[in-house]
PDB file of all heavy atoms in Angstrom:
ATOM      1  N   LYS A   1     -17.753   0.894  -1.408  1.00  0.00           N
ATOM      2  CA  LYS A   1     -18.097   0.750   0.013  1.00  0.00           C
ATOM      3  C   LYS A   1     -16.873   0.671   0.929  1.00  0.00           C
ATOM      4  O   LYS A   1     -16.934   1.045   2.086  1.00  0.00           O
ATOM      5  CB  LYS A   1     -18.959  -0.509   0.221  1.00  0.00           C
ATOM      6  CG  LYS A   1     -20.302  -0.496  -0.494  1.00  0.00           C
ATOM      7  CD  LYS A   1     -21.099  -1.747  -0.135  1.00  0.00           C
ATOM      8  CE  LYS A   1     -22.453  -1.785  -0.826  1.00  0.00           C
ATOM      9  NZ  LYS A   1     -22.345  -2.216  -2.212  1.00  0.00           N
ATOM     10  N   LEU A   2     -15.761   0.122   0.414  1.00  0.00           N
ATOM     11  CA  LEU A   2     -14.647  -0.201   1.299  1.00  0.00           C
ATOM     12  C   LEU A   2     -13.337   0.405   0.820  1.00  0.00           C
ATOM     13  O   LEU A   2     -13.107   0.571  -0.387  1.00  0.00           O
ATOM     14  CB  LEU A   2     -14.481  -1.726   1.391  1.00  0.00           C
ATOM     15  CG  LEU A   2     -15.674  -2.522   1.924  1.00  0.00           C
ATOM     16  CD1 LEU A   2     -15.412  -4.005   1.774  1.00  0.00           C
ATOM     17  CD2 LEU A   2     -15.946  -2.166   3.374  1.00  0.00           C
ATOM     18  N   SER A   3     -12.463   0.685   1.780  1.00  0.00           N
ATOM     19  CA  SER A   3     -11.101   1.099   1.456  1.00  0.00           C
ATOM     20  C   SER A   3     -10.238   0.934   2.698  1.00  0.00           C
ATOM     21  O   SER A   3     -10.744   0.940   3.822  1.00  0.00           O
ATOM     22  CB  SER A   3     -11.056   2.556   0.981  1.00  0.00           C
ATOM     23  OG  SER A   3     -11.450   3.427   2.025  1.00  0.00           O
ATOM     24  N   MET A   4      -8.947   0.764   2.476  1.00  0.00           N
ATOM     25  CA  MET A   4      -7.987   0.754   3.574  1.00  0.00           C
ATOM     26  C   MET A   4      -7.299   2.111   3.625  1.00  0.00           C
ATOM     27  O   MET A   4      -6.944   2.666   2.588  1.00  0.00           O
ATOM     28  CB  MET A   4      -6.958  -0.368   3.392  1.00  0.00           C
ATOM     29  CG  MET A   4      -7.507  -1.756   3.673  1.00  0.00           C
ATOM     30  SD  MET A   4      -6.210  -3.024   3.891  1.00  0.00           S
ATOM     31  CE  MET A   4      -5.747  -3.346   2.179  1.00  0.00           C
ATOM     32  N   SER A   5      -7.117   2.639   4.825  1.00  0.00           N
ATOM     33  CA  SER A   5      -6.484   3.947   4.981  1.00  0.00           C
ATOM     34  C   SER A   5      -5.021   3.876   4.551  1.00  0.00           C
ATOM     35  O   SER A   5      -4.405   2.800   4.520  1.00  0.00           O
ATOM     36  CB  SER A   5      -6.561   4.403   6.434  1.00  0.00           C
ATOM     37  OG  SER A   5      -5.744   3.574   7.258  1.00  0.00           O
ATOM     38  N   PHE A   6      -4.471   5.039   4.242  1.00  0.00           N
ATOM     39  CA  PHE A   6      -3.048   5.119   3.918  1.00  0.00           C
ATOM     40  C   PHE A   6      -2.216   4.567   5.073  1.00  0.00           C
ATOM     41  O   PHE A   6      -1.241   3.844   4.861  1.00  0.00           O
ATOM     42  CB  PHE A   6      -2.646   6.573   3.633  1.00  0.00           C
ATOM     43  CG  PHE A   6      -1.187   6.738   3.332  1.00  0.00           C
ATOM     44  CD1 PHE A   6      -0.711   6.626   2.032  1.00  0.00           C
ATOM     45  CD2 PHE A   6      -0.266   6.995   4.346  1.00  0.00           C
ATOM     46  CE1 PHE A   6       0.642   6.764   1.752  1.00  0.00           C
ATOM     47  CE2 PHE A   6       1.082   7.139   4.080  1.00  0.00           C
ATOM     48  CZ  PHE A   6       1.536   7.023   2.775  1.00  0.00           C
ATOM     49  N   GLU A   7      -2.608   4.912   6.292  1.00  0.00           N
ATOM     50  CA  GLU A   7      -1.858   4.478   7.476  1.00  0.00           C
ATOM     51  C   GLU A   7      -1.845   2.960   7.604  1.00  0.00           C
ATOM     52  O   GLU A   7      -0.823   2.360   7.969  1.00  0.00           O
ATOM     53  CB  GLU A   7      -2.467   5.101   8.730  1.00  0.00           C
ATOM     54  CG  GLU A   7      -2.260   6.598   8.863  1.00  0.00           C
ATOM     55  CD  GLU A   7      -3.127   7.416   7.904  1.00  0.00           C
ATOM     56  OE1 GLU A   7      -4.165   6.886   7.439  1.00  0.00           O
ATOM     57  OE2 GLU A   7      -2.754   8.569   7.614  1.00  0.00           O
ATOM     58  N   LEU A   8      -2.971   2.302   7.274  1.00  0.00           N
ATOM     59  CA  LEU A   8      -3.028   0.844   7.357  1.00  0.00           C
ATOM     60  C   LEU A   8      -2.185   0.202   6.261  1.00  0.00           C
ATOM     61  O   LEU A   8      -1.442  -0.753   6.518  1.00  0.00           O
ATOM     62  CB  LEU A   8      -4.479   0.363   7.255  1.00  0.00           C
ATOM     63  CG  LEU A   8      -4.691  -1.155   7.324  1.00  0.00           C
ATOM     64  CD1 LEU A   8      -4.091  -1.731   8.608  1.00  0.00           C
ATOM     65  CD2 LEU A   8      -6.176  -1.501   7.223  1.00  0.00           C
ATOM     66  N   LEU A   9      -2.280   0.724   5.048  1.00  0.00           N
ATOM     67  CA  LEU A   9      -1.456   0.203   3.947  1.00  0.00           C
ATOM     68  C   LEU A   9       0.023   0.346   4.280  1.00  0.00           C
ATOM     69  O   LEU A   9       0.816  -0.578   4.055  1.00  0.00           O
ATOM     70  CB  LEU A   9      -1.787   0.948   2.652  1.00  0.00           C
ATOM     71  CG  LEU A   9      -3.188   0.732   2.084  1.00  0.00           C
ATOM     72  CD1 LEU A   9      -3.501   1.775   1.012  1.00  0.00           C
ATOM     73  CD2 LEU A   9      -3.333  -0.679   1.502  1.00  0.00           C
ATOM     74  N   ASP A  10       0.380   1.485   4.831  1.00  0.00           N
ATOM     75  CA  ASP A  10       1.768   1.740   5.226  1.00  0.00           C
ATOM     76  C   ASP A  10       2.207   0.763   6.309  1.00  0.00           C
ATOM     77  O   ASP A  10       3.331   0.232   6.273  1.00  0.00           O
ATOM     78  CB  ASP A  10       1.894   3.184   5.716  1.00  0.00           C
ATOM     79  CG  ASP A  10       3.293   3.522   6.168  1.00  0.00           C
ATOM     80  OD1 ASP A  10       4.229   3.367   5.376  1.00  0.00           O
ATOM     81  OD2 ASP A  10       3.450   3.935   7.342  1.00  0.00           O
ATOM     82  N   ARG A  11       1.324   0.492   7.267  1.00  0.00           N
ATOM     83  CA  ARG A  11       1.656  -0.449   8.350  1.00  0.00           C
ATOM     84  C   ARG A  11       1.890  -1.855   7.799  1.00  0.00           C
ATOM     85  O   ARG A  11       2.829  -2.560   8.210  1.00  0.00           O
ATOM     86  CB  ARG A  11       0.516  -0.485   9.370  1.00  0.00           C
ATOM     87  CG  ARG A  11       0.900  -1.123  10.690  1.00  0.00           C
ATOM     88  CD  ARG A  11      -0.318  -1.629  11.438  1.00  0.00           C
ATOM     89  NE  ARG A  11      -0.508  -3.064  11.229  1.00  0.00           N
ATOM     90  CZ  ARG A  11      -1.647  -3.698  11.430  1.00  0.00           C
ATOM     91  NH1 ARG A  11      -2.742  -3.041  11.786  1.00  0.00           N
ATOM     92  NH2 ARG A  11      -1.710  -5.002  11.247  1.00  0.00           N
ATOM     93  N   ILE A  12       1.057  -2.287   6.866  1.00  0.00           N
ATOM     94  CA  ILE A  12       1.218  -3.609   6.266  1.00  0.00           C
ATOM     95  C   ILE A  12       2.577  -3.707   5.585  1.00  0.00           C
ATOM     96  O   ILE A  12       3.297  -4.711   5.729  1.00  0.00           O
ATOM     97  CB  ILE A  12       0.092  -3.886   5.253  1.00  0.00           C
ATOM     98  CG1 ILE A  12      -1.264  -4.009   5.965  1.00  0.00           C
ATOM     99  CG2 ILE A  12       0.379  -5.176   4.467  1.00  0.00           C
ATOM    100  CD1 ILE A  12      -2.456  -3.990   5.022  1.00  0.00           C
ATOM    101  N   ILE A  13       2.958  -2.666   4.866  1.00  0.00           N
ATOM    102  CA  ILE A  13       4.248  -2.673   4.164  1.00  0.00           C
ATOM    103  C   ILE A  13       5.395  -2.696   5.162  1.00  0.00           C
ATOM    104  O   ILE A  13       6.363  -3.462   5.000  1.00  0.00           O
ATOM    105  CB  ILE A  13       4.349  -1.461   3.215  1.00  0.00           C
ATOM    106  CG1 ILE A  13       3.295  -1.569   2.106  1.00  0.00           C
ATOM    107  CG2 ILE A  13       5.750  -1.370   2.597  1.00  0.00           C
ATOM    108  CD1 ILE A  13       3.097  -0.289   1.317  1.00  0.00           C
ATOM    109  N   ARG A  14       5.311  -1.892   6.202  1.00  0.00           N
ATOM    110  CA  ARG A  14       6.384  -1.861   7.201  1.00  0.00           C
ATOM    111  C   ARG A  14       6.539  -3.217   7.893  1.00  0.00           C
ATOM    112  O   ARG A  14       7.660  -3.714   8.065  1.00  0.00           O
ATOM    113  CB  ARG A  14       6.102  -0.771   8.235  1.00  0.00           C
ATOM    114  CG  ARG A  14       6.371   0.639   7.732  1.00  0.00           C
ATOM    115  CD  ARG A  14       6.266   1.698   8.820  1.00  0.00           C
ATOM    116  NE  ARG A  14       4.885   1.996   9.197  1.00  0.00           N
ATOM    117  CZ  ARG A  14       4.295   1.608  10.309  1.00  0.00           C
ATOM    118  NH1 ARG A  14       4.979   0.884  11.206  1.00  0.00           N
ATOM    119  NH2 ARG A  14       3.041   1.934  10.570  1.00  0.00           N
ATOM    120  N   GLU A  15       5.414  -3.832   8.256  1.00  0.00           N
ATOM    121  CA  GLU A  15       5.488  -5.144   8.899  1.00  0.00           C
ATOM    122  C   GLU A  15       5.964  -6.205   7.908  1.00  0.00           C
ATOM    123  O   GLU A  15       6.678  -7.146   8.290  1.00  0.00           O
ATOM    124  CB  GLU A  15       4.121  -5.520   9.466  1.00  0.00           C
ATOM    125  CG  GLU A  15       3.717  -4.673  10.664  1.00  0.00           C
ATOM    126  CD  GLU A  15       2.407  -5.127  11.295  1.00  0.00           C
ATOM    127  OE1 GLU A  15       1.900  -6.212  10.933  1.00  0.00           O
ATOM    128  OE2 GLU A  15       1.884  -4.391  12.156  1.00  0.00           O
ATOM    129  N   GLY A  16       5.590  -6.053   6.647  1.00  0.00           N
ATOM    130  CA  GLY A  16       6.064  -6.983   5.630  1.00  0.00           C
ATOM    131  C   GLY A  16       7.568  -6.926   5.473  1.00  0.00           C
ATOM    132  O   GLY A  16       8.243  -7.961   5.405  1.00  0.00           O
ATOM    133  N   LYS A  17       8.125  -5.721   5.441  1.00  0.00           N
ATOM    134  CA  LYS A  17       9.577  -5.584   5.278  1.00  0.00           C
ATOM    135  C   LYS A  17      10.333  -6.199   6.457  1.00  0.00           C
ATOM    136  O   LYS A  17      11.427  -6.757   6.281  1.00  0.00           O
ATOM    137  CB  LYS A  17       9.944  -4.106   5.114  1.00  0.00           C
ATOM    138  CG  LYS A  17       9.504  -3.533   3.777  1.00  0.00           C
ATOM    139  CD  LYS A  17      10.210  -2.249   3.418  1.00  0.00           C
ATOM    140  CE  LYS A  17       9.895  -1.108   4.329  1.00  0.00           C
ATOM    141  NZ  LYS A  17      10.523   0.160   3.866  1.00  0.00           N
ATOM    142  N   GLU A  18       9.752  -6.113   7.646  1.00  0.00           N
ATOM    143  CA  GLU A  18      10.383  -6.746   8.806  1.00  0.00           C
ATOM    144  C   GLU A  18      10.470  -8.265   8.649  1.00  0.00           C
ATOM    145  O   GLU A  18      11.335  -8.915   9.244  1.00  0.00           O
ATOM    146  CB  GLU A  18       9.596  -6.396  10.073  1.00  0.00           C
ATOM    147  CG  GLU A  18       9.729  -4.942  10.499  1.00  0.00           C
ATOM    148  CD  GLU A  18       8.818  -4.601  11.664  1.00  0.00           C
ATOM    149  OE1 GLU A  18       8.144  -5.529  12.187  1.00  0.00           O
ATOM    150  OE2 GLU A  18       8.766  -3.416  12.050  1.00  0.00           O
ATOM    151  N   LEU A  19       9.579  -8.826   7.840  1.00  0.00           N
ATOM    152  CA  LEU A  19       9.574 -10.274   7.589  1.00  0.00           C
ATOM    153  C   LEU A  19      10.368 -10.651   6.332  1.00  0.00           C
ATOM    154  O   LEU A  19      10.445 -11.828   5.980  1.00  0.00           O
ATOM    155  CB  LEU A  19       8.126 -10.773   7.437  1.00  0.00           C
ATOM    156  CG  LEU A  19       7.196 -10.574   8.641  1.00  0.00           C
ATOM    157  CD1 LEU A  19       5.793 -11.052   8.307  1.00  0.00           C
ATOM    158  CD2 LEU A  19       7.737 -11.320   9.860  1.00  0.00           C
ATOM    159  N   GLY A  20      10.929  -9.649   5.645  1.00  0.00           N
ATOM    160  CA  GLY A  20      11.705  -9.920   4.435  1.00  0.00           C
ATOM    161  C   GLY A  20      10.903  -9.794   3.158  1.00  0.00           C
ATOM    162  O   GLY A  20      11.346 -10.238   2.096  1.00  0.00           O
ATOM    163  N   ILE A  21       9.721  -9.179   3.232  1.00  0.00           N
ATOM    164  CA  ILE A  21       8.858  -9.020   2.057  1.00  0.00           C
ATOM    165  C   ILE A  21       9.098  -7.633   1.451  1.00  0.00           C
ATOM    166  O   ILE A  21       8.960  -6.617   2.139  1.00  0.00           O
ATOM    167  CB  ILE A  21       7.365  -9.177   2.435  1.00  0.00           C
ATOM    168  CG1 ILE A  21       7.128 -10.531   3.113  1.00  0.00           C
ATOM    169  CG2 ILE A  21       6.473  -9.032   1.200  1.00  0.00           C
ATOM    170  CD1 ILE A  21       5.797 -10.629   3.845  1.00  0.00           C
ATOM    171  N   HIS A  22       9.439  -7.614   0.153  1.00  0.00           N
ATOM    172  CA  HIS A  22       9.699  -6.350  -0.527  1.00  0.00           C
ATOM    173  C   HIS A  22       8.939  -6.253  -1.848  1.00  0.00           C
ATOM    174  O   HIS A  22       9.246  -5.392  -2.673  1.00  0.00           O
ATOM    175  CB  HIS A  22      11.199  -6.164  -0.775  1.00  0.00           C
ATOM    176  CG  HIS A  22      11.984  -5.888   0.468  1.00  0.00           C
ATOM    177  ND1 HIS A  22      12.338  -4.625   0.870  1.00  0.00           N
ATOM    178  CD2 HIS A  22      12.460  -6.725   1.419  1.00  0.00           C
ATOM    179  CE1 HIS A  22      13.017  -4.689   2.005  1.00  0.00           C
ATOM    180  NE2 HIS A  22      13.107  -5.963   2.362  1.00  0.00           N
ATOM    181  N   MET A  23       7.960  -7.134  -2.027  1.00  0.00           N
ATOM    182  CA  MET A  23       7.133  -7.116  -3.236  1.00  0.00           C
ATOM    183  C   MET A  23       5.679  -6.934  -2.808  1.00  0.00           C
ATOM    184  O   MET A  23       5.129  -7.772  -2.076  1.00  0.00           O
ATOM    185  CB  MET A  23       7.293  -8.431  -4.004  1.00  0.00           C
ATOM    186  CG  MET A  23       6.520  -8.478  -5.308  1.00  0.00           C
ATOM    187  SD  MET A  23       7.370  -7.503  -6.569  1.00  0.00           S
ATOM    188  CE  MET A  23       6.155  -7.584  -7.896  1.00  0.00           C
ATOM    189  N   PHE A  24       5.062  -5.838  -3.257  1.00  0.00           N
ATOM    190  CA  PHE A  24       3.683  -5.530  -2.881  1.00  0.00           C
ATOM    191  C   PHE A  24       2.873  -5.259  -4.142  1.00  0.00           C
ATOM    192  O   PHE A  24       3.320  -4.511  -5.021  1.00  0.00           O
ATOM    193  CB  PHE A  24       3.635  -4.344  -1.924  1.00  0.00           C
ATOM    194  CG  PHE A  24       4.322  -4.625  -0.616  1.00  0.00           C
ATOM    195  CD1 PHE A  24       5.668  -4.346  -0.449  1.00  0.00           C
ATOM    196  CD2 PHE A  24       3.627  -5.219   0.434  1.00  0.00           C
ATOM    197  CE1 PHE A  24       6.326  -4.636   0.745  1.00  0.00           C
ATOM    198  CE2 PHE A  24       4.263  -5.511   1.629  1.00  0.00           C
ATOM    199  CZ  PHE A  24       5.611  -5.227   1.782  1.00  0.00           C
ATOM    200  N   ILE A  25       1.703  -5.880  -4.202  1.00  0.00           N
ATOM    201  CA  ILE A  25       0.871  -5.815  -5.402  1.00  0.00           C
ATOM    202  C   ILE A  25      -0.492  -5.236  -5.024  1.00  0.00           C
ATOM    203  O   ILE A  25      -1.131  -5.709  -4.088  1.00  0.00           O
ATOM    204  CB  ILE A  25       0.705  -7.216  -6.025  1.00  0.00           C
ATOM    205  CG1 ILE A  25       2.073  -7.865  -6.268  1.00  0.00           C
ATOM    206  CG2 ILE A  25      -0.091  -7.137  -7.327  1.00  0.00           C
ATOM    207  CD1 ILE A  25       1.999  -9.319  -6.706  1.00  0.00           C
ATOM    208  N   PHE A  26      -0.923  -4.219  -5.759  1.00  0.00           N
ATOM    209  CA  PHE A  26      -2.231  -3.611  -5.523  1.00  0.00           C
ATOM    210  C   PHE A  26      -3.259  -4.204  -6.475  1.00  0.00           C
ATOM    211  O   PHE A  26      -2.982  -4.401  -7.660  1.00  0.00           O
ATOM    212  CB  PHE A  26      -2.171  -2.097  -5.739  1.00  0.00           C
ATOM    213  CG  PHE A  26      -1.251  -1.370  -4.804  1.00  0.00           C
ATOM    214  CD1 PHE A  26      -0.153  -0.667  -5.288  1.00  0.00           C
ATOM    215  CD2 PHE A  26      -1.484  -1.371  -3.440  1.00  0.00           C
ATOM    216  CE1 PHE A  26       0.693   0.023  -4.436  1.00  0.00           C
ATOM    217  CE2 PHE A  26      -0.640  -0.686  -2.564  1.00  0.00           C
ATOM    218  CZ  PHE A  26       0.450   0.011  -3.072  1.00  0.00           C
ATOM    219  N   SER A  27      -4.450  -4.479  -5.942  1.00  0.00           N
ATOM    220  CA  SER A  27      -5.558  -4.900  -6.795  1.00  0.00           C
ATOM    221  C   SER A  27      -6.811  -4.205  -6.267  1.00  0.00           C
ATOM    222  O   SER A  27      -6.731  -3.227  -5.548  1.00  0.00           O
ATOM    223  CB  SER A  27      -5.694  -6.428  -6.801  1.00  0.00           C
ATOM    224  OG  SER A  27      -5.887  -6.934  -5.494  1.00  0.00           O
ATOM    225  N   GLY A  28      -7.979  -4.695  -6.588  1.00  0.00           N
ATOM    226  CA  GLY A  28      -9.173  -4.001  -6.118  1.00  0.00           C
ATOM    227  C   GLY A  28     -10.434  -4.740  -6.512  1.00  0.00           C
ATOM    228  O   GLY A  28     -10.428  -5.968  -6.621  1.00  0.00           O
ATOM    229  N   GLY A  29     -11.412  -3.934  -6.816  1.00  0.00           N
ATOM    230  CA  GLY A  29     -11.507  -2.571  -7.274  1.00  0.00           C
ATOM    231  C   GLY A  29     -10.406  -2.146  -8.241  1.00  0.00           C
ATOM    232  O   GLY A  29      -9.600  -2.931  -8.697  1.00  0.00           O
ATOM    233  N   GLU A  30     -10.409  -0.868  -8.528  1.00  0.00           N
ATOM    234  CA  GLU A  30      -9.356  -0.287  -9.366  1.00  0.00           C
ATOM    235  C   GLU A  30      -8.394   0.472  -8.463  1.00  0.00           C
ATOM    236  O   GLU A  30      -8.730   1.532  -7.923  1.00  0.00           O
ATOM    237  CB  GLU A  30      -9.966   0.640 -10.422  1.00  0.00           C
ATOM    238  CG  GLU A  30      -8.973   1.484 -11.196  1.00  0.00           C
ATOM    239  CD  GLU A  30      -7.812   0.682 -11.751  1.00  0.00           C
ATOM    240  OE1 GLU A  30      -8.056  -0.332 -12.452  1.00  0.00           O
ATOM    241  OE2 GLU A  30      -6.650   1.036 -11.463  1.00  0.00           O
ATOM    242  N   PRO A  31      -7.179  -0.064  -8.254  1.00  0.00           N
ATOM    243  CA  PRO A  31      -6.242   0.551  -7.304  1.00  0.00           C
ATOM    244  C   PRO A  31      -5.856   1.981  -7.664  1.00  0.00           C
ATOM    245  O   PRO A  31      -5.537   2.768  -6.778  1.00  0.00           O
ATOM    246  CB  PRO A  31      -5.035  -0.386  -7.324  1.00  0.00           C
ATOM    247  CG  PRO A  31      -5.151  -1.155  -8.595  1.00  0.00           C
ATOM    248  CD  PRO A  31      -6.604  -1.279  -8.880  1.00  0.00           C
ATOM    249  N   LEU A  32      -5.907   2.321  -8.957  1.00  0.00           N
ATOM    250  CA  LEU A  32      -5.509   3.675  -9.338  1.00  0.00           C
ATOM    251  C   LEU A  32      -6.603   4.702  -9.058  1.00  0.00           C
ATOM    252  O   LEU A  32      -6.425   5.888  -9.344  1.00  0.00           O
ATOM    253  CB  LEU A  32      -5.077   3.713 -10.809  1.00  0.00           C
ATOM    254  CG  LEU A  32      -3.814   2.899 -11.116  1.00  0.00           C
ATOM    255  CD1 LEU A  32      -3.300   3.173 -12.509  1.00  0.00           C
ATOM    256  CD2 LEU A  32      -2.712   3.150 -10.084  1.00  0.00           C
ATOM    257  N   SER A  33      -7.712   4.251  -8.463  1.00  0.00           N
ATOM    258  CA  SER A  33      -8.650   5.203  -7.861  1.00  0.00           C
ATOM    259  C   SER A  33      -7.976   5.916  -6.690  1.00  0.00           C
ATOM    260  O   SER A  33      -8.444   6.961  -6.238  1.00  0.00           O
ATOM    261  CB  SER A  33      -9.902   4.479  -7.350  1.00  0.00           C
ATOM    262  OG  SER A  33     -10.584   3.846  -8.397  1.00  0.00           O
ATOM    263  N   ARG A  34      -6.867   5.316  -6.203  1.00  0.00           N
ATOM    264  CA  ARG A  34      -6.084   5.890  -5.094  1.00  0.00           C
ATOM    265  C   ARG A  34      -4.686   6.284  -5.590  1.00  0.00           C
ATOM    266  O   ARG A  34      -3.671   6.026  -4.940  1.00  0.00           O
ATOM    267  CB  ARG A  34      -5.960   4.863  -3.964  1.00  0.00           C
ATOM    268  CG  ARG A  34      -7.280   4.372  -3.369  1.00  0.00           C
ATOM    269  CD  ARG A  34      -7.794   5.271  -2.262  1.00  0.00           C
ATOM    270  NE  ARG A  34      -6.861   5.414  -1.156  1.00  0.00           N
ATOM    271  CZ  ARG A  34      -6.769   4.555  -0.136  1.00  0.00           C
ATOM    272  NH1 ARG A  34      -7.556   3.482  -0.083  1.00  0.00           N
ATOM    273  NH2 ARG A  34      -5.912   4.771   0.847  1.00  0.00           N
ATOM    274  N   LYS A  35      -4.618   6.942  -6.726  1.00  0.00           N
ATOM    275  CA  LYS A  35      -3.335   7.267  -7.365  1.00  0.00           C
ATOM    276  C   LYS A  35      -2.343   7.944  -6.410  1.00  0.00           C
ATOM    277  O   LYS A  35      -1.175   7.564  -6.327  1.00  0.00           O
ATOM    278  CB  LYS A  35      -3.559   8.216  -8.542  1.00  0.00           C
ATOM    279  CG  LYS A  35      -4.056   7.591  -9.815  1.00  0.00           C
ATOM    280  CD  LYS A  35      -4.170   8.690 -10.868  1.00  0.00           C
ATOM    281  CE  LYS A  35      -4.702   8.148 -12.173  1.00  0.00           C
ATOM    282  NZ  LYS A  35      -4.765   9.211 -13.199  1.00  0.00           N
ATOM    283  N   LYS A  36      -2.815   8.972  -5.719  1.00  0.00           N
ATOM    284  CA  LYS A  36      -1.900   9.752  -4.875  1.00  0.00           C
ATOM    285  C   LYS A  36      -1.325   8.901  -3.754  1.00  0.00           C
ATOM    286  O   LYS A  36      -0.129   8.986  -3.446  1.00  0.00           O
ATOM    287  CB  LYS A  36      -2.624  10.980  -4.317  1.00  0.00           C
ATOM    288  CG  LYS A  36      -2.918  12.039  -5.368  1.00  0.00           C
ATOM    289  CD  LYS A  36      -3.553  13.280  -4.742  1.00  0.00           C
ATOM    290  CE  LYS A  36      -3.805  14.360  -5.786  1.00  0.00           C
ATOM    291  NZ  LYS A  36      -4.450  15.571  -5.199  1.00  0.00           N
ATOM    292  N   ASP A  37      -2.170   8.078  -3.147  1.00  0.00           N
ATOM    293  CA  ASP A  37      -1.697   7.222  -2.059  1.00  0.00           C
ATOM    294  C   ASP A  37      -0.736   6.155  -2.571  1.00  0.00           C
ATOM    295  O   ASP A  37       0.256   5.820  -1.909  1.00  0.00           O
ATOM    296  CB  ASP A  37      -2.875   6.566  -1.342  1.00  0.00           C
ATOM    297  CG  ASP A  37      -3.611   7.531  -0.431  1.00  0.00           C
ATOM    298  OD1 ASP A  37      -3.014   8.569  -0.061  1.00  0.00           O
ATOM    299  OD2 ASP A  37      -4.771   7.267  -0.087  1.00  0.00           O
ATOM    300  N   VAL A  38      -1.036   5.602  -3.747  1.00  0.00           N
ATOM    301  CA  VAL A  38      -0.163   4.585  -4.340  1.00  0.00           C
ATOM    302  C   VAL A  38       1.231   5.160  -4.581  1.00  0.00           C
ATOM    303  O   VAL A  38       2.250   4.556  -4.208  1.00  0.00           O
ATOM    304  CB  VAL A  38      -0.770   4.041  -5.651  1.00  0.00           C
ATOM    305  CG1 VAL A  38       0.270   3.271  -6.462  1.00  0.00           C
ATOM    306  CG2 VAL A  38      -1.968   3.131  -5.352  1.00  0.00           C
ATOM    307  N   ILE A  39       1.288   6.336  -5.173  1.00  0.00           N
ATOM    308  CA  ILE A  39       2.585   6.969  -5.435  1.00  0.00           C
ATOM    309  C   ILE A  39       3.287   7.341  -4.133  1.00  0.00           C
ATOM    310  O   ILE A  39       4.510   7.173  -3.988  1.00  0.00           O
ATOM    311  CB  ILE A  39       2.410   8.209  -6.333  1.00  0.00           C
ATOM    312  CG1 ILE A  39       2.014   7.784  -7.751  1.00  0.00           C
ATOM    313  CG2 ILE A  39       3.688   9.040  -6.372  1.00  0.00           C
ATOM    314  CD1 ILE A  39       3.061   6.976  -8.501  1.00  0.00           C
ATOM    315  N   ALA A  40       2.537   7.806  -3.153  1.00  0.00           N
ATOM    316  CA  ALA A  40       3.138   8.168  -1.863  1.00  0.00           C
ATOM    317  C   ALA A  40       3.757   6.949  -1.183  1.00  0.00           C
ATOM    318  O   ALA A  40       4.827   7.046  -0.567  1.00  0.00           O
ATOM    319  CB  ALA A  40       2.083   8.803  -0.962  1.00  0.00           C
ATOM    320  N   LEU A  41       3.108   5.794  -1.298  1.00  0.00           N
ATOM    321  CA  LEU A  41       3.663   4.563  -0.722  1.00  0.00           C
ATOM    322  C   LEU A  41       4.917   4.137  -1.468  1.00  0.00           C
ATOM    323  O   LEU A  41       5.900   3.686  -0.857  1.00  0.00           O
ATOM    324  CB  LEU A  41       2.613   3.456  -0.758  1.00  0.00           C
ATOM    325  CG  LEU A  41       1.438   3.632   0.214  1.00  0.00           C
ATOM    326  CD1 LEU A  41       0.309   2.663  -0.127  1.00  0.00           C
ATOM    327  CD2 LEU A  41       1.886   3.433   1.657  1.00  0.00           C
ATOM    328  N   CYS A  42       4.910   4.272  -2.780  1.00  0.00           N
ATOM    329  CA  CYS A  42       6.104   3.948  -3.577  1.00  0.00           C
ATOM    330  C   CYS A  42       7.275   4.829  -3.174  1.00  0.00           C
ATOM    331  O   CYS A  42       8.416   4.371  -3.046  1.00  0.00           O
ATOM    332  CB  CYS A  42       5.809   4.130  -5.072  1.00  0.00           C
ATOM    333  SG  CYS A  42       4.648   2.962  -5.781  1.00  0.00           S
ATOM    334  N   GLU A  43       6.986   6.097  -2.964  1.00  0.00           N
ATOM    335  CA  GLU A  43       8.034   7.057  -2.608  1.00  0.00           C
ATOM    336  C   GLU A  43       8.572   6.782  -1.212  1.00  0.00           C
ATOM    337  O   GLU A  43       9.793   6.825  -0.983  1.00  0.00           O
ATOM    338  CB  GLU A  43       7.459   8.472  -2.684  1.00  0.00           C
ATOM    339  CG  GLU A  43       8.489   9.566  -2.534  1.00  0.00           C
ATOM    340  CD  GLU A  43       7.897  10.937  -2.842  1.00  0.00           C
ATOM    341  OE1 GLU A  43       6.666  11.110  -2.709  1.00  0.00           O
ATOM    342  OE2 GLU A  43       8.678  11.834  -3.205  1.00  0.00           O
ATOM    343  N   LYS A  44       7.685   6.470  -0.281  1.00  0.00           N
ATOM    344  CA  LYS A  44       8.107   6.235   1.105  1.00  0.00           C
ATOM    345  C   LYS A  44       8.902   4.941   1.225  1.00  0.00           C
ATOM    346  O   LYS A  44       9.848   4.865   2.015  1.00  0.00           O
ATOM    347  CB  LYS A  44       6.877   6.181   2.005  1.00  0.00           C
ATOM    348  CG  LYS A  44       7.229   6.009   3.483  1.00  0.00           C
ATOM    349  CD  LYS A  44       6.012   6.137   4.371  1.00  0.00           C
ATOM    350  CE  LYS A  44       6.407   6.039   5.841  1.00  0.00           C
ATOM    351  NZ  LYS A  44       5.247   6.180   6.748  1.00  0.00           N
ATOM    352  N   HIS A  45       8.524   3.938   0.450  1.00  0.00           N
ATOM    353  CA  HIS A  45       9.174   2.623   0.538  1.00  0.00           C
ATOM    354  C   HIS A  45       9.919   2.344  -0.768  1.00  0.00           C
ATOM    355  O   HIS A  45       9.557   1.450  -1.538  1.00  0.00           O
ATOM    356  CB  HIS A  45       8.140   1.547   0.831  1.00  0.00           C
ATOM    357  CG  HIS A  45       7.391   1.752   2.101  1.00  0.00           C
ATOM    358  ND1 HIS A  45       7.933   1.456   3.337  1.00  0.00           N
ATOM    359  CD2 HIS A  45       6.159   2.256   2.349  1.00  0.00           C
ATOM    360  CE1 HIS A  45       7.061   1.757   4.294  1.00  0.00           C
ATOM    361  NE2 HIS A  45       5.977   2.239   3.724  1.00  0.00           N
TER     362      HIS A  45
END
């Protein structure tokens, strides 16, 4: 029923880094249902 967009996940990470946060953990559901987005976020950050 639910998911967060790539843009929202990216925004959370960007705002987290501004606060000194560099550790991000995916859970769910099964996070690897979003394999491509997960890898894209790893690559971008």
